[in-house]
Every structure is written in C-alpha cells, then in structure tokens.
Amino acid sequence: MKLRIKDLREENDLSQSYIAKILFCDQSLYSKYERGERDIPLSLMIKLADFYDVSLDYLTYRTYNPKKY
C-alpha cells in the first residue's frame, strides 16, 4: 500500500530515525514502511496520523484533503 508518510516526513524536515523513535521501531523497519516493502500496522498508522495531524484517509491517498473530520 502506498502511503504519504515519506512526503509528510520530508515536508516537516524530519529524519527516519526520529519518526522510528516516535513509533518505537527500528529505523530500518520504518524505511521499509516508507518504501512499501512492509505493511505498516494500523496502530502505527494512527500514531502517524495523530503526529502529523492528518486523517488516515489522507495517509492512504483516499483524499487530497489532509484535514481531520
């Protein structure tokens, strides 16, 4: 599944290591999430949506509107 997590991370000038620490995972695993090599668990997607203050629909390209409803 393609996600916007790399775009959001880069727009906020954050490193993969920083986001991995927030998610309590290894940087190499987070890198695989960004590249789509591993499916990201829903619980981590929720954490990322909360962290970036966007909706899950925005993270998963179901909408172009980042606002939460």
PDB file of N, CA and C in Angstrom:
ATOM      1  N   MET A   1       0.849  -1.181   0.000  1.00  0.00           N
ATOM      2  CA  MET A   1       0.000   0.000   0.000  1.00  0.00           C
ATOM      3  C   MET A   1       0.890   1.237   0.000  1.00  0.00           C
ATOM      4  N   LYS A   2       0.607   2.141  -0.900  1.00  0.00           N
ATOM      5  CA  LYS A   2       1.362   3.390  -0.956  1.00  0.00           C
ATOM      6  C   LYS A   2       0.822   4.361   0.089  1.00  0.00           C
ATOM      7  N   LEU A   3       1.735   4.959   0.839  1.00  0.00           N
ATOM      8  CA  LEU A   3       1.365   5.901   1.891  1.00  0.00           C
ATOM      9  C   LEU A   3       2.087   7.221   1.687  1.00  0.00           C
ATOM     10  N   ARG A   4       1.559   8.267   2.282  1.00  0.00           N
ATOM     11  CA  ARG A   4       2.173   9.599   2.209  1.00  0.00           C
ATOM     12  C   ARG A   4       3.199   9.832   3.310  1.00  0.00           C
ATOM     13  N   ILE A   5       3.596   8.833   3.994  1.00  0.00           N
ATOM     14  CA  ILE A   5       4.422   9.049   5.179  1.00  0.00           C
ATOM     15  C   ILE A   5       5.789   9.636   4.844  1.00  0.00           C
ATOM     16  N   LYS A   6       6.364   9.273   3.720  1.00  0.00           N
ATOM     17  CA  LYS A   6       7.661   9.849   3.346  1.00  0.00           C
ATOM     18  C   LYS A   6       7.499  11.327   3.013  1.00  0.00           C
ATOM     19  N   ASP A   7       6.469  11.659   2.245  1.00  0.00           N
ATOM     20  CA  ASP A   7       6.228  13.060   1.893  1.00  0.00           C
ATOM     21  C   ASP A   7       6.030  13.911   3.143  1.00  0.00           C
ATOM     22  N   LEU A   8       5.222  13.431   4.065  1.00  0.00           N
ATOM     23  CA  LEU A   8       4.967  14.183   5.291  1.00  0.00           C
ATOM     24  C   LEU A   8       6.243  14.347   6.112  1.00  0.00           C
ATOM     25  N   ARG A   9       7.016  13.298   6.194  1.00  0.00           N
ATOM     26  CA  ARG A   9       8.267  13.367   6.963  1.00  0.00           C
ATOM     27  C   ARG A   9       9.211  14.399   6.352  1.00  0.00           C
ATOM     28  N   GLU A  10       9.352  14.354   5.037  1.00  0.00           N
ATOM     29  CA  GLU A  10      10.253  15.294   4.369  1.00  0.00           C
ATOM     30  C   GLU A  10       9.728  16.731   4.431  1.00  0.00           C
ATOM     31  N   GLU A  11       8.421  16.909   4.304  1.00  0.00           N
ATOM     32  CA  GLU A  11       7.841  18.255   4.400  1.00  0.00           C
ATOM     33  C   GLU A  11       8.093  18.875   5.766  1.00  0.00           C
ATOM     34  N   ASN A  12       8.180  18.036   6.782  1.00  0.00           N
ATOM     35  CA  ASN A  12       8.419  18.508   8.143  1.00  0.00           C
ATOM     36  C   ASN A  12       9.888  18.467   8.531  1.00  0.00           C
ATOM     37  N   ASP A  13      10.740  18.174   7.555  1.00  0.00           N
ATOM     38  CA  ASP A  13      12.194  18.155   7.750  1.00  0.00           C
ATOM     39  C   ASP A  13      12.599  17.252   8.919  1.00  0.00           C
ATOM     40  N   LEU A  14      12.067  16.028   8.903  1.00  0.00           N
ATOM     41  CA  LEU A  14      12.350  15.059   9.954  1.00  0.00           C
ATOM     42  C   LEU A  14      13.113  13.874   9.373  1.00  0.00           C
ATOM     43  N   SER A  15      13.877  13.219  10.198  1.00  0.00           N
ATOM     44  CA  SER A  15      14.630  12.045   9.757  1.00  0.00           C
ATOM     45  C   SER A  15      13.815  10.773   9.997  1.00  0.00           C
ATOM     46  N   GLN A  16      14.199   9.729   9.295  1.00  0.00           N
ATOM     47  CA  GLN A  16      13.571   8.430   9.525  1.00  0.00           C
ATOM     48  C   GLN A  16      13.832   7.965  10.953  1.00  0.00           C
ATOM     49  N   SER A  17      15.009   8.233  11.440  1.00  0.00           N
ATOM     50  CA  SER A  17      15.350   7.822  12.810  1.00  0.00           C
ATOM     51  C   SER A  17      14.448   8.484  13.829  1.00  0.00           C
ATOM     52  N   TYR A  18      14.144   9.752  13.618  1.00  0.00           N
ATOM     53  CA  TYR A  18      13.272  10.479  14.545  1.00  0.00           C
ATOM     54  C   TYR A  18      11.877   9.865  14.567  1.00  0.00           C
ATOM     55  N   ILE A  19      11.323   9.614  13.385  1.00  0.00           N
ATOM     56  CA  ILE A  19       9.982   9.022  13.312  1.00  0.00           C
ATOM     57  C   ILE A  19       9.983   7.612  13.878  1.00  0.00           C
ATOM     58  N   ALA A  20      11.041   6.853  13.604  1.00  0.00           N
ATOM     59  CA  ALA A  20      11.137   5.498  14.149  1.00  0.00           C
ATOM     60  C   ALA A  20      11.102   5.515  15.673  1.00  0.00           C
ATOM     61  N   LYS A  21      11.758   6.495  16.290  1.00  0.00           N
ATOM     62  CA  LYS A  21      11.733   6.602  17.755  1.00  0.00           C
ATOM     63  C   LYS A  21      10.318   6.879  18.258  1.00  0.00           C
ATOM     64  N   ILE A  22       9.592   7.722  17.547  1.00  0.00           N
ATOM     65  CA  ILE A  22       8.208   8.023  17.936  1.00  0.00           C
ATOM     66  C   ILE A  22       7.349   6.757  17.875  1.00  0.00           C
ATOM     67  N   LEU A  23       7.624   5.916  16.869  1.00  0.00           N
ATOM     68  CA  LEU A  23       6.841   4.694  16.682  1.00  0.00           C
ATOM     69  C   LEU A  23       7.390   3.507  17.473  1.00  0.00           C
ATOM     70  N   PHE A  24       8.508   3.724  18.180  1.00  0.00           N
ATOM     71  CA  PHE A  24       9.163   2.656  18.942  1.00  0.00           C
ATOM     72  C   PHE A  24       9.529   1.480  18.041  1.00  0.00           C
ATOM     73  N   CYS A  25      10.129   1.805  16.890  1.00  0.00           N
ATOM     74  CA  CYS A  25      10.608   0.755  15.994  1.00  0.00           C
ATOM     75  C   CYS A  25      11.989   1.121  15.488  1.00  0.00           C
ATOM     76  N   ASP A  26      12.637   0.212  14.829  1.00  0.00           N
ATOM     77  CA  ASP A  26      13.961   0.422  14.272  1.00  0.00           C
ATOM     78  C   ASP A  26      13.871   1.267  13.005  1.00  0.00           C
ATOM     79  N   GLN A  27      14.889   2.073  12.741  1.00  0.00           N
ATOM     80  CA  GLN A  27      14.902   2.927  11.554  1.00  0.00           C
ATOM     81  C   GLN A  27      14.826   2.103  10.284  1.00  0.00           C
ATOM     82  N   SER A  28      15.474   0.956  10.229  1.00  0.00           N
ATOM     83  CA  SER A  28      15.444   0.130   9.022  1.00  0.00           C
ATOM     84  C   SER A  28      14.037  -0.406   8.750  1.00  0.00           C
ATOM     85  N   LEU A  29      13.297  -0.716   9.799  1.00  0.00           N
ATOM     86  CA  LEU A  29      11.909  -1.154   9.625  1.00  0.00           C
ATOM     87  C   LEU A  29      11.053   0.002   9.125  1.00  0.00           C
ATOM     88  N   TYR A  30      11.236   1.181   9.715  1.00  0.00           N
ATOM     89  CA  TYR A  30      10.471   2.337   9.259  1.00  0.00           C
ATOM     90  C   TYR A  30      10.768   2.637   7.789  1.00  0.00           C
ATOM     91  N   SER A  31      12.010   2.491   7.383  1.00  0.00           N
ATOM     92  CA  SER A  31      12.396   2.700   5.992  1.00  0.00           C
ATOM     93  C   SER A  31      11.624   1.748   5.067  1.00  0.00           C
ATOM     94  N   LYS A  32      11.447   0.520   5.507  1.00  0.00           N
ATOM     95  CA  LYS A  32      10.676  -0.456   4.719  1.00  0.00           C
ATOM     96  C   LYS A  32       9.207  -0.050   4.631  1.00  0.00           C
ATOM     97  N   TYR A  33       8.666   0.540   5.690  1.00  0.00           N
ATOM     98  CA  TYR A  33       7.293   1.058   5.634  1.00  0.00           C
ATOM     99  C   TYR A  33       7.183   2.144   4.559  1.00  0.00           C
ATOM    100  N   GLU A  34       8.151   3.062   4.558  1.00  0.00           N
ATOM    101  CA  GLU A  34       8.122   4.146   3.575  1.00  0.00           C
ATOM    102  C   GLU A  34       8.233   3.636   2.148  1.00  0.00           C
ATOM    103  N   ARG A  35       9.044   2.628   1.927  1.00  0.00           N
ATOM    104  CA  ARG A  35       9.238   2.088   0.582  1.00  0.00           C
ATOM    105  C   ARG A  35       8.146   1.108   0.177  1.00  0.00           C
ATOM    106  N   GLY A  36       7.265   0.773   1.102  1.00  0.00           N
ATOM    107  CA  GLY A  36       6.191  -0.161   0.802  1.00  0.00           C
ATOM    108  C   GLY A  36       6.619  -1.615   0.793  1.00  0.00           C
ATOM    109  N   GLU A  37       7.772  -1.890   1.387  1.00  0.00           N
ATOM    110  CA  GLU A  37       8.273  -3.263   1.445  1.00  0.00           C
ATOM    111  C   GLU A  37       7.640  -4.058   2.579  1.00  0.00           C
ATOM    112  N   ARG A  38       7.125  -3.347   3.567  1.00  0.00           N
ATOM    113  CA  ARG A  38       6.423  -3.973   4.691  1.00  0.00           C
ATOM    114  C   ARG A  38       5.139  -3.209   4.920  1.00  0.00           C
ATOM    115  N   ASP A  39       4.078  -3.930   5.260  1.00  0.00           N
ATOM    116  CA  ASP A  39       2.824  -3.274   5.613  1.00  0.00           C
ATOM    117  C   ASP A  39       2.954  -2.682   7.008  1.00  0.00           C
ATOM    118  N   ILE A  40       2.484  -1.461   7.139  1.00  0.00           N
ATOM    119  CA  ILE A  40       2.552  -0.794   8.432  1.00  0.00           C
ATOM    120  C   ILE A  40       1.293  -1.139   9.233  1.00  0.00           C
ATOM    121  N   PRO A  41       1.449  -1.530  10.471  1.00  0.00           N
ATOM    122  CA  PRO A  41       0.284  -1.863  11.289  1.00  0.00           C
ATOM    123  C   PRO A  41      -0.632  -0.642  11.483  1.00  0.00           C
ATOM    124  N   LEU A  42      -1.909  -0.908  11.593  1.00  0.00           N
ATOM    125  CA  LEU A  42      -2.895   0.149  11.772  1.00  0.00           C
ATOM    126  C   LEU A  42      -2.576   1.006  12.988  1.00  0.00           C
ATOM    127  N   SER A  43      -2.123   0.393  14.054  1.00  0.00           N
ATOM    128  CA  SER A  43      -1.812   1.162  15.268  1.00  0.00           C
ATOM    129  C   SER A  43      -0.723   2.204  15.005  1.00  0.00           C
ATOM    130  N   LEU A  44       0.245   1.866  14.165  1.00  0.00           N
ATOM    131  CA  LEU A  44       1.299   2.821  13.839  1.00  0.00           C
ATOM    132  C   LEU A  44       0.801   3.884  12.865  1.00  0.00           C
ATOM    133  N   MET A  45      -0.093   3.510  11.970  1.00  0.00           N
ATOM    134  CA  MET A  45      -0.680   4.494  11.063  1.00  0.00           C
ATOM    135  C   MET A  45      -1.475   5.531  11.852  1.00  0.00           C
ATOM    136  N   ILE A  46      -2.177   5.087  12.866  1.00  0.00           N
ATOM    137  CA  ILE A  46      -2.935   6.005  13.718  1.00  0.00           C
ATOM    138  C   ILE A  46      -1.986   6.955  14.440  1.00  0.00           C
ATOM    139  N   LYS A  47      -0.874   6.425  14.954  1.00  0.00           N
ATOM    140  CA  LYS A  47       0.115   7.283  15.619  1.00  0.00           C
ATOM    141  C   LYS A  47       0.654   8.338  14.657  1.00  0.00           C
ATOM    142  N   LEU A  48       0.945   7.932  13.427  1.00  0.00           N
ATOM    143  CA  LEU A  48       1.464   8.876  12.443  1.00  0.00           C
ATOM    144  C   LEU A  48       0.416   9.920  12.069  1.00  0.00           C
ATOM    145  N   ALA A  49      -0.824   9.496  11.903  1.00  0.00           N
ATOM    146  CA  ALA A  49      -1.896  10.448  11.581  1.00  0.00           C
ATOM    147  C   ALA A  49      -2.041  11.462  12.708  1.00  0.00           C
ATOM    148  N   ASP A  50      -1.980  11.007  13.933  1.00  0.00           N
ATOM    149  CA  ASP A  50      -2.065  11.919  15.074  1.00  0.00           C
ATOM    150  C   ASP A  50      -0.849  12.840  15.130  1.00  0.00           C
ATOM    151  N   PHE A  51       0.326  12.281  14.902  1.00  0.00           N
ATOM    152  CA  PHE A  51       1.559  13.068  14.955  1.00  0.00           C
ATOM    153  C   PHE A  51       1.541  14.194  13.917  1.00  0.00           C
ATOM    154  N   TYR A  52       1.144  13.873  12.693  1.00  0.00           N
ATOM    155  CA  TYR A  52       1.117  14.872  11.619  1.00  0.00           C
ATOM    156  C   TYR A  52      -0.195  15.661  11.572  1.00  0.00           C
ATOM    157  N   ASP A  53      -1.147  15.278  12.427  1.00  0.00           N
ATOM    158  CA  ASP A  53      -2.461  15.922  12.490  1.00  0.00           C
ATOM    159  C   ASP A  53      -3.176  15.869  11.141  1.00  0.00           C
ATOM    160  N   VAL A  54      -3.210  14.663  10.573  1.00  0.00           N
ATOM    161  CA  VAL A  54      -3.914  14.415   9.315  1.00  0.00           C
ATOM    162  C   VAL A  54      -4.831  13.203   9.497  1.00  0.00           C
ATOM    163  N   SER A  55      -5.700  13.003   8.538  1.00  0.00           N
ATOM    164  CA  SER A  55      -6.602  11.857   8.606  1.00  0.00           C
ATOM    165  C   SER A  55      -5.927  10.601   8.051  1.00  0.00           C
ATOM    166  N   LEU A  56      -6.452   9.445   8.427  1.00  0.00           N
ATOM    167  CA  LEU A  56      -5.968   8.191   7.856  1.00  0.00           C
ATOM    168  C   LEU A  56      -6.257   8.144   6.361  1.00  0.00           C
ATOM    169  N   ASP A  57      -7.370   8.724   5.954  1.00  0.00           N
ATOM    170  CA  ASP A  57      -7.681   8.775   4.523  1.00  0.00           C
ATOM    171  C   ASP A  57      -6.606   9.535   3.758  1.00  0.00           C
ATOM    172  N   TYR A  58      -6.082  10.586   4.336  1.00  0.00           N
ATOM    173  CA  TYR A  58      -5.013  11.346   3.690  1.00  0.00           C
ATOM    174  C   TYR A  58      -3.739  10.510   3.611  1.00  0.00           C
ATOM    175  N   LEU A  59      -3.419   9.804   4.669  1.00  0.00           N
ATOM    176  CA  LEU A  59      -2.217   8.963   4.670  1.00  0.00           C
ATOM    177  C   LEU A  59      -2.273   7.888   3.588  1.00  0.00           C
ATOM    178  N   THR A  60      -3.463   7.396   3.296  1.00  0.00           N
ATOM    179  CA  THR A  60      -3.623   6.281   2.357  1.00  0.00           C
ATOM    180  C   THR A  60      -4.090   6.720   0.973  1.00  0.00           C
ATOM    181  N   TYR A  61      -3.982   7.996   0.675  1.00  0.00           N
ATOM    182  CA  TYR A  61      -4.358   8.557  -0.637  1.00  0.00           C
ATOM    183  C   TYR A  61      -5.836   8.401  -0.972  1.00  0.00           C
ATOM    184  N   ARG A  62      -6.672   8.289   0.031  1.00  0.00           N
ATOM    185  CA  ARG A  62      -8.112   8.237  -0.233  1.00  0.00           C
ATOM    186  C   ARG A  62      -8.699   9.620  -0.388  1.00  0.00           C
ATOM    187  N   THR A  63      -7.935  10.638   0.001  1.00  0.00           N
ATOM    188  CA  THR A  63      -8.351  12.022  -0.169  1.00  0.00           C
ATOM    189  C   THR A  63      -7.107  12.890  -0.319  1.00  0.00           C
ATOM    190  N   TYR A  64      -7.305  14.032  -0.920  1.00  0.00           N
ATOM    191  CA  TYR A  64      -6.208  15.002  -1.028  1.00  0.00           C
ATOM    192  C   TYR A  64      -6.306  16.061   0.066  1.00  0.00           C
ATOM    193  N   ASN A  65      -7.331  15.970   0.890  1.00  0.00           N
ATOM    194  CA  ASN A  65      -7.549  16.919   1.975  1.00  0.00           C
ATOM    195  C   ASN A  65      -6.929  16.358   3.251  1.00  0.00           C
ATOM    196  N   PRO A  66      -5.889  16.990   3.774  1.00  0.00           N
ATOM    197  CA  PRO A  66      -5.228  16.449   4.961  1.00  0.00           C
ATOM    198  C   PRO A  66      -5.992  16.648   6.266  1.00  0.00           C
ATOM    199  N   LYS A  67      -7.025  17.469   6.252  1.00  0.00           N
ATOM    200  CA  LYS A  67      -7.741  17.802   7.480  1.00  0.00           C
ATOM    201  C   LYS A  67      -8.469  16.594   8.055  1.00  0.00           C
ATOM    202  N   LYS A  68      -8.461  16.509   9.372  1.00  0.00           N
ATOM    203  CA  LYS A  68      -9.272  15.519  10.061  1.00  0.00           C
ATOM    204  C   LYS A  68     -10.708  16.000  10.068  1.00  0.00           C
ATOM    205  N   TYR A  69     -11.622  15.084  10.087  1.00  0.00           N
ATOM    206  CA  TYR A  69     -13.047  15.469  10.100  1.00  0.00           C
ATOM    207  C   TYR A  69     -13.603  15.385  11.485  1.00  0.00           C
TER     208      TYR A  69
END
